[in-house]
């Protein structure tokens, strides 16, 4: 649906763990210039410490007049946010906080310039396939490995490094966001993401490697059932 539009009846991506607020999201994004929004989401399971939430909030707040932000925060995580940040965001068109969204619909929007992510594999692949650069803030399990690939193997983003206390500070976050959005490294990253996006389209298209693999898989299943 998001790569080659080959299936005419495939018009809606309906796999959501929580109920998304699509109308509010689309309306807000529609008022933003191209590549002006940093999208922030830590997925459906990650639980950040309150101190880390405060550092992230400070980084976004400091840069909000340069870059708009859309931050997805599950309702269970909202109490960790500084009250003044919630208040200022509700009064400021530069930022939007929502409990959930249709992530692929957001990532493919023209206003999105970067994605600050926990580097869950689904999020990484979705961003690459629609051509969005990444700021990696991995938390656990496979995420540090995914972040390593994002920065050092695929060249599709930057990893924000934690300090001696294990937190990724506001300065580090701010520098990574700035670099990805409009820095010299960001220009190289954007070209790399474009390359990987095109490779993904090629693989998924008719006769591509992923397309052939699915056909072979189905053929083997069919033959084993006879």
N, C-alpha and C. Protein backbone atom coordinates (compact mmCIF):
# COMPACT_ATOMS: atom_id res chain seq x y z
N UNK A 1 0.82 -1.21 0.00
CA UNK A 1 0.00 0.00 0.00
C UNK A 1 0.86 1.26 0.00
N UNK A 2 1.96 1.26 0.77
CA UNK A 2 2.77 2.47 0.90
C UNK A 2 3.98 2.49 -0.02
N UNK A 3 4.15 1.44 -0.81
CA UNK A 3 5.31 1.40 -1.69
C UNK A 3 4.95 1.47 -3.16
N UNK A 4 4.15 0.49 -3.65
CA UNK A 4 3.90 0.49 -5.09
C UNK A 4 2.43 0.67 -5.47
N UNK A 5 1.52 0.66 -4.48
CA UNK A 5 0.10 0.86 -4.76
C UNK A 5 -0.43 -0.14 -5.80
N UNK A 6 0.14 -1.35 -5.80
CA UNK A 6 -0.21 -2.32 -6.84
C UNK A 6 -1.61 -2.87 -6.66
N UNK A 7 -2.07 -2.98 -5.40
CA UNK A 7 -3.40 -3.53 -5.13
C UNK A 7 -4.39 -2.38 -4.99
N UNK A 8 -5.27 -2.22 -5.95
CA UNK A 8 -6.17 -1.08 -5.99
C UNK A 8 -7.12 -1.03 -4.80
N UNK A 9 -7.50 -2.20 -4.28
CA UNK A 9 -8.44 -2.24 -3.16
C UNK A 9 -7.76 -2.04 -1.80
N UNK A 10 -6.44 -1.98 -1.79
CA UNK A 10 -5.70 -1.83 -0.54
C UNK A 10 -5.56 -0.34 -0.23
N UNK A 11 -6.51 0.19 0.52
CA UNK A 11 -6.58 1.64 0.72
C UNK A 11 -6.40 2.08 2.17
N UNK A 12 -6.38 1.16 3.10
CA UNK A 12 -6.34 1.58 4.50
C UNK A 12 -5.44 0.66 5.31
N UNK A 13 -4.58 1.26 6.12
CA UNK A 13 -3.71 0.49 7.00
C UNK A 13 -4.40 0.43 8.37
N UNK A 14 -4.89 -0.74 8.76
CA UNK A 14 -5.78 -0.82 9.93
C UNK A 14 -5.15 -1.51 11.14
N UNK A 15 -3.84 -1.79 11.09
CA UNK A 15 -3.19 -2.49 12.20
C UNK A 15 -2.75 -1.49 13.27
N UNK A 16 -3.61 -1.24 14.25
CA UNK A 16 -3.32 -0.31 15.33
C UNK A 16 -3.59 -0.98 16.67
N UNK A 17 -2.60 -0.92 17.57
CA UNK A 17 -2.76 -1.50 18.90
C UNK A 17 -3.67 -0.65 19.78
N UNK A 18 -3.67 0.66 19.52
CA UNK A 18 -4.53 1.58 20.26
C UNK A 18 -5.31 2.42 19.24
N UNK A 19 -6.32 3.10 19.71
CA UNK A 19 -7.15 3.88 18.81
C UNK A 19 -6.44 5.18 18.42
N UNK A 20 -6.15 5.37 17.14
CA UNK A 20 -5.46 6.59 16.72
C UNK A 20 -6.41 7.77 16.56
N UNK A 21 -5.87 8.96 16.77
CA UNK A 21 -6.64 10.19 16.54
C UNK A 21 -6.22 10.75 15.19
N UNK A 22 -6.71 10.12 14.13
CA UNK A 22 -6.26 10.46 12.79
C UNK A 22 -6.66 11.86 12.35
N UNK A 23 -7.85 12.29 12.72
CA UNK A 23 -8.34 13.60 12.27
C UNK A 23 -7.48 14.73 12.83
N UNK A 24 -7.24 14.69 14.14
CA UNK A 24 -6.43 15.74 14.77
C UNK A 24 -5.02 15.73 14.22
N UNK A 25 -4.50 14.54 14.00
CA UNK A 25 -3.14 14.39 13.49
C UNK A 25 -3.02 14.95 12.08
N UNK A 26 -3.90 14.55 11.20
CA UNK A 26 -3.84 14.99 9.81
C UNK A 26 -4.07 16.49 9.69
N UNK A 27 -4.99 17.01 10.50
CA UNK A 27 -5.29 18.45 10.45
C UNK A 27 -4.07 19.27 10.87
N UNK A 28 -3.40 18.84 11.95
CA UNK A 28 -2.23 19.57 12.44
C UNK A 28 -1.07 19.48 11.46
N UNK A 29 -0.79 18.29 10.97
CA UNK A 29 0.31 18.11 10.02
C UNK A 29 0.06 18.90 8.73
N UNK A 30 -1.21 18.99 8.33
CA UNK A 30 -1.55 19.70 7.11
C UNK A 30 -1.26 21.18 7.17
N UNK A 31 -1.08 21.72 8.37
CA UNK A 31 -0.79 23.15 8.52
C UNK A 31 0.72 23.43 8.60
N UNK A 32 1.54 22.40 8.48
CA UNK A 32 2.99 22.55 8.64
C UNK A 32 3.71 22.51 7.29
N UNK A 33 4.79 23.27 7.15
CA UNK A 33 5.57 23.25 5.90
C UNK A 33 6.25 21.89 5.69
N UNK A 34 6.65 21.60 4.47
CA UNK A 34 7.36 20.35 4.20
C UNK A 34 8.62 20.20 5.05
N UNK A 35 8.83 19.00 5.56
CA UNK A 35 10.02 18.62 6.32
C UNK A 35 10.31 19.53 7.51
N UNK A 36 9.25 20.01 8.17
CA UNK A 36 9.42 20.92 9.30
C UNK A 36 9.13 20.26 10.64
N UNK A 37 8.64 19.00 10.63
CA UNK A 37 8.18 18.34 11.84
C UNK A 37 9.10 17.18 12.20
N UNK A 38 9.50 17.14 13.48
CA UNK A 38 10.19 15.96 14.01
C UNK A 38 9.13 15.11 14.71
N UNK A 39 8.98 13.90 14.23
CA UNK A 39 8.00 12.96 14.79
C UNK A 39 8.69 12.13 15.88
N UNK A 40 8.05 12.01 17.04
CA UNK A 40 8.66 11.32 18.18
C UNK A 40 7.71 10.22 18.67
N UNK A 41 8.23 9.00 18.73
CA UNK A 41 7.42 7.90 19.26
C UNK A 41 8.34 6.80 19.76
N UNK A 42 8.00 6.25 20.92
CA UNK A 42 8.75 5.14 21.50
C UNK A 42 7.93 3.85 21.51
N UNK A 43 6.95 3.78 20.62
CA UNK A 43 6.24 2.54 20.39
C UNK A 43 5.22 2.19 21.45
N UNK A 44 4.84 0.93 21.44
CA UNK A 44 3.73 0.47 22.27
C UNK A 44 4.15 -0.13 23.60
N UNK A 45 5.47 -0.31 23.83
CA UNK A 45 5.90 -1.02 25.04
C UNK A 45 6.94 -0.27 25.87
N UNK A 46 7.79 0.53 25.24
CA UNK A 46 8.88 1.19 25.97
C UNK A 46 8.34 2.11 27.05
N UNK A 47 8.98 2.09 28.20
CA UNK A 47 8.62 2.95 29.33
C UNK A 47 9.84 3.76 29.74
N UNK A 48 9.86 5.02 29.38
CA UNK A 48 10.99 5.88 29.69
C UNK A 48 10.92 6.38 31.13
N UNK A 49 12.07 6.50 31.80
CA UNK A 49 12.07 7.13 33.12
C UNK A 49 11.58 8.58 33.03
N UNK A 50 11.03 9.07 34.12
CA UNK A 50 10.53 10.45 34.13
C UNK A 50 11.64 11.45 33.80
N UNK A 51 12.87 11.17 34.27
CA UNK A 51 13.99 12.07 33.97
C UNK A 51 14.28 12.13 32.48
N UNK A 52 14.15 10.97 31.80
CA UNK A 52 14.39 10.95 30.37
C UNK A 52 13.28 11.69 29.61
N UNK A 53 12.05 11.53 30.08
CA UNK A 53 10.94 12.27 29.47
C UNK A 53 11.17 13.77 29.61
N UNK A 54 11.69 14.19 30.77
CA UNK A 54 11.94 15.61 31.00
C UNK A 54 13.03 16.14 30.08
N UNK A 55 14.08 15.34 29.86
CA UNK A 55 15.16 15.76 28.96
C UNK A 55 14.65 15.89 27.53
N UNK A 56 13.85 14.95 27.11
CA UNK A 56 13.29 14.99 25.76
C UNK A 56 12.35 16.18 25.60
N UNK A 57 11.52 16.41 26.61
CA UNK A 57 10.61 17.55 26.57
C UNK A 57 11.39 18.86 26.48
N UNK A 58 12.49 18.96 27.23
CA UNK A 58 13.31 20.18 27.20
C UNK A 58 13.93 20.39 25.83
N UNK A 59 14.40 19.31 25.20
CA UNK A 59 15.01 19.43 23.87
C UNK A 59 13.98 19.88 22.84
N UNK A 60 12.80 19.30 22.88
CA UNK A 60 11.75 19.68 21.93
C UNK A 60 11.28 21.11 22.18
N UNK A 61 11.15 21.47 23.43
CA UNK A 61 10.69 22.81 23.78
C UNK A 61 11.69 23.87 23.33
N UNK A 62 12.98 23.57 23.52
CA UNK A 62 14.04 24.52 23.15
C UNK A 62 14.05 24.78 21.65
N UNK A 63 13.75 23.75 20.86
CA UNK A 63 13.84 23.86 19.40
C UNK A 63 12.49 24.08 18.73
N UNK A 64 11.43 24.31 19.51
CA UNK A 64 10.09 24.27 18.92
C UNK A 64 9.84 25.39 17.92
N UNK A 65 10.58 26.48 18.00
CA UNK A 65 10.37 27.56 17.03
C UNK A 65 11.20 27.35 15.77
N UNK A 66 12.05 26.32 15.77
CA UNK A 66 12.80 25.93 14.57
C UNK A 66 12.16 24.71 13.92
N UNK A 67 11.74 23.76 14.77
CA UNK A 67 11.15 22.52 14.27
C UNK A 67 9.86 22.23 15.05
N UNK A 68 8.79 22.01 14.33
CA UNK A 68 7.57 21.55 14.97
C UNK A 68 7.78 20.11 15.45
N UNK A 69 6.98 19.68 16.41
CA UNK A 69 7.11 18.29 16.86
C UNK A 69 5.74 17.66 17.09
N UNK A 70 5.67 16.39 16.72
CA UNK A 70 4.51 15.56 17.01
C UNK A 70 5.01 14.43 17.89
N UNK A 71 4.56 14.38 19.14
CA UNK A 71 5.06 13.40 20.11
C UNK A 71 3.90 12.48 20.49
N UNK A 72 4.10 11.19 20.22
CA UNK A 72 3.11 10.19 20.59
C UNK A 72 3.47 9.63 21.96
N UNK A 73 2.58 9.84 22.92
CA UNK A 73 2.82 9.38 24.30
C UNK A 73 1.59 8.62 24.77
N UNK A 74 1.77 7.35 25.07
CA UNK A 74 0.65 6.55 25.56
C UNK A 74 0.10 7.17 26.85
N UNK A 75 -1.18 6.98 27.07
CA UNK A 75 -1.82 7.61 28.22
C UNK A 75 -1.16 7.20 29.54
N UNK A 76 -0.67 5.96 29.62
CA UNK A 76 -0.01 5.50 30.84
C UNK A 76 1.30 6.22 31.12
N UNK A 77 1.89 6.84 30.07
CA UNK A 77 3.17 7.54 30.21
C UNK A 77 3.00 9.04 30.44
N UNK A 78 1.82 9.57 30.21
CA UNK A 78 1.59 11.01 30.30
C UNK A 78 1.93 11.61 31.67
N UNK A 79 1.67 10.92 32.79
CA UNK A 79 1.99 11.52 34.09
C UNK A 79 3.48 11.82 34.29
N UNK A 80 4.35 11.26 33.46
CA UNK A 80 5.78 11.51 33.59
C UNK A 80 6.22 12.84 32.98
N UNK A 81 5.34 13.45 32.19
CA UNK A 81 5.71 14.70 31.52
C UNK A 81 5.67 15.88 32.49
N UNK A 82 6.63 16.81 32.39
CA UNK A 82 6.56 18.03 33.20
C UNK A 82 5.29 18.82 32.89
N UNK A 83 4.61 19.29 33.92
CA UNK A 83 3.34 19.98 33.74
C UNK A 83 3.48 21.22 32.88
N UNK A 84 4.58 21.96 33.06
CA UNK A 84 4.77 23.19 32.29
C UNK A 84 4.94 22.90 30.80
N UNK A 85 5.51 21.75 30.49
CA UNK A 85 5.66 21.38 29.08
C UNK A 85 4.30 21.07 28.46
N UNK A 86 3.46 20.37 29.20
CA UNK A 86 2.11 20.06 28.71
C UNK A 86 1.33 21.35 28.49
N UNK A 87 1.44 22.27 29.44
CA UNK A 87 0.71 23.54 29.35
C UNK A 87 1.17 24.36 28.16
N UNK A 88 2.49 24.50 27.99
CA UNK A 88 3.02 25.31 26.90
C UNK A 88 2.70 24.70 25.54
N UNK A 89 2.71 23.35 25.47
CA UNK A 89 2.41 22.69 24.20
C UNK A 89 0.94 22.88 23.81
N UNK A 90 0.06 22.82 24.80
CA UNK A 90 -1.37 22.99 24.51
C UNK A 90 -1.68 24.40 24.03
N UNK A 91 -0.81 25.35 24.37
CA UNK A 91 -1.03 26.75 23.97
C UNK A 91 -0.24 27.13 22.72
N UNK A 92 0.58 26.20 22.22
CA UNK A 92 1.53 26.52 21.16
C UNK A 92 1.27 25.63 19.94
N UNK A 93 1.08 26.23 18.80
CA UNK A 93 0.83 25.50 17.55
C UNK A 93 2.07 24.74 17.08
N UNK A 94 3.22 25.00 17.70
CA UNK A 94 4.46 24.36 17.25
C UNK A 94 4.54 22.89 17.64
N UNK A 95 3.77 22.46 18.63
CA UNK A 95 3.84 21.08 19.09
C UNK A 95 2.48 20.44 19.26
N UNK A 96 2.45 19.11 19.13
CA UNK A 96 1.22 18.36 19.33
C UNK A 96 1.56 17.06 20.04
N UNK A 97 0.82 16.76 21.11
CA UNK A 97 0.97 15.51 21.85
C UNK A 97 -0.30 14.70 21.69
N UNK A 98 -0.16 13.46 21.24
CA UNK A 98 -1.30 12.56 21.07
C UNK A 98 -0.96 11.20 21.68
N UNK A 99 -1.98 10.46 22.14
CA UNK A 99 -1.72 9.14 22.71
C UNK A 99 -1.39 8.07 21.68
N UNK A 100 -1.81 8.24 20.44
CA UNK A 100 -1.52 7.24 19.41
C UNK A 100 -1.83 7.83 18.04
N UNK A 101 -1.24 7.25 16.99
CA UNK A 101 -1.50 7.70 15.64
C UNK A 101 -1.30 6.52 14.68
N UNK A 102 -1.71 6.69 13.44
CA UNK A 102 -1.40 5.72 12.39
C UNK A 102 -0.01 6.07 11.88
N UNK A 103 0.99 5.35 12.35
CA UNK A 103 2.38 5.77 12.16
C UNK A 103 2.78 5.89 10.69
N UNK A 104 2.40 4.93 9.87
CA UNK A 104 2.78 5.02 8.46
C UNK A 104 2.15 6.22 7.78
N UNK A 105 0.91 6.55 8.16
CA UNK A 105 0.27 7.73 7.60
C UNK A 105 1.04 8.99 7.99
N UNK A 106 1.55 9.02 9.23
CA UNK A 106 2.33 10.17 9.68
C UNK A 106 3.67 10.22 8.95
N UNK A 107 4.39 9.10 8.92
CA UNK A 107 5.72 9.08 8.33
C UNK A 107 5.73 9.47 6.85
N UNK A 108 4.67 9.13 6.14
CA UNK A 108 4.64 9.44 4.71
C UNK A 108 4.16 10.87 4.42
N UNK A 109 3.79 11.62 5.46
CA UNK A 109 3.31 12.99 5.26
C UNK A 109 4.47 13.91 4.89
N UNK A 110 4.22 14.83 3.99
CA UNK A 110 5.27 15.73 3.49
C UNK A 110 5.88 16.60 4.59
N UNK A 111 5.15 16.86 5.65
CA UNK A 111 5.64 17.75 6.70
C UNK A 111 6.69 17.10 7.60
N UNK A 112 6.81 15.77 7.56
CA UNK A 112 7.74 15.07 8.44
C UNK A 112 9.17 15.17 7.90
N UNK A 113 10.07 15.67 8.76
CA UNK A 113 11.48 15.79 8.38
C UNK A 113 12.38 14.81 9.06
N UNK A 114 11.93 14.21 10.17
CA UNK A 114 12.74 13.24 10.89
C UNK A 114 11.91 12.49 11.90
N UNK A 115 12.45 11.38 12.37
CA UNK A 115 11.73 10.48 13.28
C UNK A 115 12.66 10.14 14.44
N UNK A 116 12.33 10.61 15.64
CA UNK A 116 13.06 10.25 16.85
C UNK A 116 12.40 9.00 17.43
N UNK A 117 13.13 7.90 17.48
CA UNK A 117 12.53 6.60 17.72
C UNK A 117 13.35 5.74 18.67
N UNK A 118 12.66 4.79 19.31
CA UNK A 118 13.32 3.80 20.16
C UNK A 118 14.01 2.71 19.34
N UNK A 119 13.81 2.73 18.03
CA UNK A 119 14.44 1.79 17.11
C UNK A 119 13.88 0.38 17.22
N UNK A 120 12.59 0.25 17.50
CA UNK A 120 11.94 -1.03 17.28
C UNK A 120 12.02 -1.35 15.80
N UNK A 121 12.13 -2.62 15.46
CA UNK A 121 12.39 -2.99 14.07
C UNK A 121 11.27 -2.53 13.14
N UNK A 122 10.01 -2.63 13.58
CA UNK A 122 8.91 -2.16 12.74
C UNK A 122 9.07 -0.67 12.41
N UNK A 123 9.36 0.13 13.43
CA UNK A 123 9.50 1.57 13.23
C UNK A 123 10.65 1.88 12.29
N UNK A 124 11.78 1.19 12.46
CA UNK A 124 12.94 1.42 11.61
C UNK A 124 12.62 1.10 10.16
N UNK A 125 12.01 -0.05 9.93
CA UNK A 125 11.69 -0.45 8.56
C UNK A 125 10.66 0.48 7.93
N UNK A 126 9.66 0.88 8.71
CA UNK A 126 8.64 1.78 8.17
C UNK A 126 9.26 3.11 7.75
N UNK A 127 10.16 3.65 8.59
CA UNK A 127 10.80 4.92 8.27
C UNK A 127 11.66 4.81 7.02
N UNK A 128 12.44 3.74 6.92
CA UNK A 128 13.30 3.55 5.77
C UNK A 128 12.47 3.41 4.49
N UNK A 129 11.39 2.65 4.57
CA UNK A 129 10.59 2.37 3.38
C UNK A 129 9.87 3.60 2.84
N UNK A 130 9.60 4.59 3.69
CA UNK A 130 8.97 5.82 3.20
C UNK A 130 9.95 6.99 3.15
N UNK A 131 11.24 6.72 3.46
CA UNK A 131 12.28 7.72 3.25
C UNK A 131 12.42 8.79 4.31
N UNK A 132 12.31 8.42 5.60
CA UNK A 132 12.42 9.39 6.69
C UNK A 132 13.69 9.13 7.51
N UNK A 133 14.57 10.13 7.68
CA UNK A 133 15.77 9.97 8.50
C UNK A 133 15.43 9.76 9.98
N UNK A 134 16.35 9.12 10.70
CA UNK A 134 16.08 8.71 12.08
C UNK A 134 17.05 9.34 13.08
N UNK A 135 16.52 9.64 14.27
CA UNK A 135 17.33 9.88 15.46
C UNK A 135 17.06 8.71 16.39
N UNK A 136 18.08 7.92 16.65
CA UNK A 136 17.92 6.66 17.37
C UNK A 136 18.17 6.84 18.87
N UNK A 137 17.18 6.45 19.68
CA UNK A 137 17.32 6.44 21.14
C UNK A 137 16.86 5.05 21.62
N UNK A 138 17.68 4.02 21.40
CA UNK A 138 17.27 2.65 21.71
C UNK A 138 17.13 2.42 23.21
N UNK A 139 16.25 1.49 23.60
CA UNK A 139 15.97 1.22 24.99
C UNK A 139 16.41 -0.18 25.43
N UNK A 140 16.04 -1.23 24.69
CA UNK A 140 16.31 -2.58 25.15
C UNK A 140 16.21 -3.59 24.00
N UNK A 141 16.35 -4.88 24.32
CA UNK A 141 16.29 -6.03 23.41
C UNK A 141 17.07 -5.76 22.12
N UNK A 142 16.40 -5.81 20.96
CA UNK A 142 17.10 -5.68 19.68
C UNK A 142 17.38 -4.23 19.30
N UNK A 143 16.87 -3.27 20.07
CA UNK A 143 16.92 -1.87 19.65
C UNK A 143 18.33 -1.29 19.53
N UNK A 144 19.27 -1.58 20.47
CA UNK A 144 20.64 -1.11 20.26
C UNK A 144 21.27 -1.65 18.98
N UNK A 145 20.99 -2.91 18.64
CA UNK A 145 21.50 -3.48 17.39
C UNK A 145 20.90 -2.77 16.19
N UNK A 146 19.60 -2.52 16.24
CA UNK A 146 18.94 -1.79 15.15
C UNK A 146 19.53 -0.39 15.00
N UNK A 147 19.80 0.26 16.13
CA UNK A 147 20.39 1.60 16.10
C UNK A 147 21.79 1.58 15.48
N UNK A 148 22.54 0.52 15.76
CA UNK A 148 23.86 0.36 15.16
C UNK A 148 23.75 0.28 13.64
N UNK A 149 22.80 -0.48 13.16
CA UNK A 149 22.59 -0.58 11.72
C UNK A 149 22.15 0.76 11.13
N UNK A 150 21.25 1.45 11.83
CA UNK A 150 20.75 2.74 11.35
C UNK A 150 21.90 3.71 11.13
N UNK A 151 22.82 3.79 12.09
CA UNK A 151 23.89 4.80 12.01
C UNK A 151 25.09 4.32 11.20
N UNK A 152 25.58 3.11 11.47
CA UNK A 152 26.88 2.70 10.94
C UNK A 152 26.82 1.79 9.71
N UNK A 153 25.70 1.12 9.48
CA UNK A 153 25.62 0.20 8.35
C UNK A 153 24.79 0.80 7.21
N UNK A 154 23.58 1.21 7.52
CA UNK A 154 22.70 1.77 6.48
C UNK A 154 22.91 3.26 6.27
N UNK A 155 23.42 3.96 7.30
CA UNK A 155 23.62 5.40 7.18
C UNK A 155 22.34 6.18 7.06
N UNK A 156 21.28 5.72 7.78
CA UNK A 156 19.97 6.35 7.65
C UNK A 156 19.60 7.21 8.87
N UNK A 157 20.55 7.44 9.78
CA UNK A 157 20.23 8.25 10.94
C UNK A 157 21.40 8.39 11.88
N UNK A 158 21.16 9.05 13.01
CA UNK A 158 22.16 9.25 14.04
C UNK A 158 21.68 8.64 15.35
N UNK A 159 22.61 8.11 16.13
CA UNK A 159 22.26 7.61 17.45
C UNK A 159 22.61 8.64 18.50
N UNK A 160 21.64 9.00 19.33
CA UNK A 160 21.86 9.93 20.43
C UNK A 160 22.45 9.15 21.61
N UNK A 161 23.63 9.56 22.06
CA UNK A 161 24.35 8.81 23.10
C UNK A 161 23.94 9.23 24.51
N UNK A 162 23.79 8.25 25.41
CA UNK A 162 23.47 8.57 26.81
C UNK A 162 24.68 9.13 27.55
N UNK A 163 24.42 9.87 28.62
CA UNK A 163 25.50 10.40 29.45
C UNK A 163 25.90 9.39 30.52
N UNK A 164 26.76 9.80 31.46
CA UNK A 164 27.26 8.88 32.49
C UNK A 164 26.15 8.38 33.40
N UNK A 165 25.03 9.08 33.43
CA UNK A 165 23.90 8.66 34.26
C UNK A 165 22.93 7.75 33.50
N UNK A 166 23.25 7.45 32.26
CA UNK A 166 22.39 6.58 31.46
C UNK A 166 21.24 7.29 30.78
N UNK A 167 21.21 8.61 30.87
CA UNK A 167 20.16 9.40 30.21
C UNK A 167 20.70 10.06 28.95
N UNK A 168 19.86 10.19 27.95
CA UNK A 168 20.22 10.97 26.77
C UNK A 168 19.80 12.41 27.05
N UNK A 169 20.79 13.27 27.23
CA UNK A 169 20.51 14.63 27.66
C UNK A 169 19.90 15.51 26.60
N UNK A 170 19.35 16.64 27.04
CA UNK A 170 18.65 17.56 26.13
C UNK A 170 19.59 18.14 25.07
N UNK A 171 20.87 18.41 25.47
CA UNK A 171 21.82 18.95 24.50
C UNK A 171 22.11 17.94 23.40
N UNK A 172 22.36 16.69 23.79
CA UNK A 172 22.63 15.63 22.82
C UNK A 172 21.43 15.43 21.90
N UNK A 173 20.24 15.39 22.47
CA UNK A 173 19.03 15.22 21.67
C UNK A 173 18.87 16.39 20.70
N UNK A 174 19.08 17.59 21.19
CA UNK A 174 18.93 18.77 20.35
C UNK A 174 19.91 18.78 19.19
N UNK A 175 21.16 18.39 19.45
CA UNK A 175 22.18 18.37 18.39
C UNK A 175 21.84 17.33 17.32
N UNK A 176 21.38 16.16 17.76
CA UNK A 176 21.02 15.11 16.81
C UNK A 176 19.82 15.51 15.96
N UNK A 177 18.81 16.12 16.59
CA UNK A 177 17.65 16.58 15.84
C UNK A 177 18.05 17.63 14.81
N UNK A 178 18.87 18.59 15.24
CA UNK A 178 19.30 19.65 14.34
C UNK A 178 20.09 19.09 13.16
N UNK A 179 20.99 18.13 13.42
CA UNK A 179 21.81 17.56 12.36
C UNK A 179 20.97 16.79 11.35
N UNK A 180 20.03 16.00 11.85
CA UNK A 180 19.19 15.21 10.95
C UNK A 180 18.25 16.11 10.14
N UNK A 181 17.75 17.16 10.76
CA UNK A 181 16.78 18.01 10.08
C UNK A 181 17.41 18.92 9.04
N UNK A 182 18.64 19.44 9.33
CA UNK A 182 19.18 20.42 8.39
C UNK A 182 20.71 20.50 8.38
N UNK A 183 21.41 19.55 9.01
CA UNK A 183 22.86 19.59 9.03
C UNK A 183 23.50 18.96 7.81
N UNK A 184 24.84 19.05 7.73
CA UNK A 184 25.56 18.45 6.61
C UNK A 184 25.47 16.94 6.64
N UNK A 185 25.59 16.34 7.83
CA UNK A 185 25.40 14.89 7.93
C UNK A 185 23.98 14.51 7.54
N UNK A 186 23.04 15.38 7.90
CA UNK A 186 21.64 15.13 7.59
C UNK A 186 21.40 15.03 6.09
N UNK A 187 22.14 15.82 5.30
CA UNK A 187 21.99 15.77 3.84
C UNK A 187 22.43 14.40 3.30
N UNK A 188 23.53 13.89 3.85
CA UNK A 188 24.01 12.57 3.44
C UNK A 188 23.03 11.49 3.87
N UNK A 189 22.54 11.61 5.10
CA UNK A 189 21.56 10.65 5.62
C UNK A 189 20.31 10.62 4.75
N UNK A 190 19.86 11.80 4.34
CA UNK A 190 18.64 11.87 3.53
C UNK A 190 18.84 11.18 2.17
N UNK A 191 20.03 11.32 1.61
CA UNK A 191 20.32 10.63 0.35
C UNK A 191 20.36 9.12 0.56
N UNK A 192 20.93 8.69 1.67
CA UNK A 192 20.98 7.25 1.97
C UNK A 192 19.58 6.67 2.16
N UNK A 193 18.73 7.42 2.88
CA UNK A 193 17.36 6.95 3.10
C UNK A 193 16.62 6.84 1.78
N UNK A 194 16.85 7.80 0.89
CA UNK A 194 16.21 7.76 -0.42
C UNK A 194 16.64 6.51 -1.18
N UNK A 195 17.93 6.17 -1.07
CA UNK A 195 18.44 4.97 -1.74
C UNK A 195 17.76 3.72 -1.21
N UNK A 196 17.67 3.61 0.13
CA UNK A 196 17.05 2.43 0.73
C UNK A 196 15.55 2.36 0.43
N UNK A 197 14.91 3.51 0.37
CA UNK A 197 13.49 3.54 0.01
C UNK A 197 13.30 2.98 -1.38
N UNK A 198 14.12 3.40 -2.32
CA UNK A 198 14.01 2.90 -3.69
C UNK A 198 14.28 1.40 -3.76
N UNK A 199 15.22 0.91 -2.96
CA UNK A 199 15.50 -0.52 -2.92
C UNK A 199 14.31 -1.30 -2.36
N UNK A 200 13.66 -0.72 -1.37
CA UNK A 200 12.47 -1.37 -0.79
C UNK A 200 11.35 -1.45 -1.81
N UNK A 201 11.14 -0.37 -2.56
CA UNK A 201 10.12 -0.36 -3.60
C UNK A 201 10.44 -1.42 -4.66
N UNK A 202 11.70 -1.48 -5.04
CA UNK A 202 12.13 -2.47 -6.03
C UNK A 202 11.90 -3.89 -5.54
N UNK A 203 12.21 -4.14 -4.27
CA UNK A 203 12.04 -5.49 -3.70
C UNK A 203 10.58 -5.90 -3.62
N UNK A 204 9.70 -4.95 -3.30
CA UNK A 204 8.28 -5.26 -3.11
C UNK A 204 7.50 -5.27 -4.41
N UNK A 205 8.06 -4.65 -5.45
CA UNK A 205 7.34 -4.56 -6.71
C UNK A 205 7.24 -5.93 -7.37
N UNK A 206 6.38 -6.02 -8.35
CA UNK A 206 6.17 -7.29 -9.04
C UNK A 206 7.48 -7.80 -9.65
N UNK A 207 7.87 -9.01 -9.27
CA UNK A 207 9.12 -9.59 -9.73
C UNK A 207 10.31 -9.25 -8.86
N UNK A 208 10.13 -8.40 -7.85
CA UNK A 208 11.21 -8.06 -6.92
C UNK A 208 11.52 -9.20 -5.97
N UNK A 209 12.61 -9.07 -5.20
CA UNK A 209 13.05 -10.17 -4.35
C UNK A 209 12.02 -10.56 -3.30
N UNK A 210 11.41 -9.59 -2.63
CA UNK A 210 10.39 -9.90 -1.62
C UNK A 210 9.15 -10.50 -2.26
N UNK A 211 8.79 -9.98 -3.43
CA UNK A 211 7.63 -10.50 -4.16
C UNK A 211 7.87 -11.96 -4.55
N UNK A 212 9.07 -12.27 -5.04
CA UNK A 212 9.39 -13.65 -5.42
C UNK A 212 9.43 -14.57 -4.20
N UNK A 213 9.99 -14.06 -3.10
CA UNK A 213 10.07 -14.88 -1.88
C UNK A 213 8.69 -15.27 -1.36
N UNK A 214 7.75 -14.33 -1.41
CA UNK A 214 6.39 -14.64 -0.97
C UNK A 214 5.76 -15.69 -1.88
N UNK A 215 5.94 -15.53 -3.18
CA UNK A 215 5.40 -16.51 -4.13
C UNK A 215 5.98 -17.90 -3.88
N UNK A 216 7.29 -17.96 -3.62
CA UNK A 216 7.94 -19.26 -3.37
C UNK A 216 7.43 -19.87 -2.06
N UNK A 217 7.24 -19.03 -1.06
CA UNK A 217 6.75 -19.50 0.23
C UNK A 217 5.34 -20.09 0.10
N UNK A 218 4.46 -19.36 -0.61
CA UNK A 218 3.10 -19.84 -0.82
C UNK A 218 3.11 -21.13 -1.63
N UNK A 219 3.99 -21.21 -2.64
CA UNK A 219 4.07 -22.41 -3.47
C UNK A 219 4.48 -23.63 -2.64
N UNK A 220 5.42 -23.43 -1.73
CA UNK A 220 5.86 -24.53 -0.87
C UNK A 220 4.76 -24.95 0.08
N UNK A 221 4.03 -24.00 0.61
CA UNK A 221 2.91 -24.33 1.50
C UNK A 221 1.84 -25.12 0.73
N UNK A 222 1.57 -24.67 -0.49
CA UNK A 222 0.55 -25.33 -1.29
C UNK A 222 0.96 -26.76 -1.62
N UNK A 223 2.23 -26.95 -1.97
CA UNK A 223 2.69 -28.29 -2.33
C UNK A 223 2.70 -29.23 -1.14
N UNK A 224 2.96 -28.68 0.06
CA UNK A 224 3.00 -29.53 1.26
C UNK A 224 1.61 -29.94 1.71
N UNK A 225 0.58 -29.23 1.26
CA UNK A 225 -0.80 -29.55 1.64
C UNK A 225 -1.44 -30.56 0.69
N UNK A 226 -0.77 -30.86 -0.41
CA UNK A 226 -1.36 -31.79 -1.40
C UNK A 226 -1.14 -33.23 -0.97
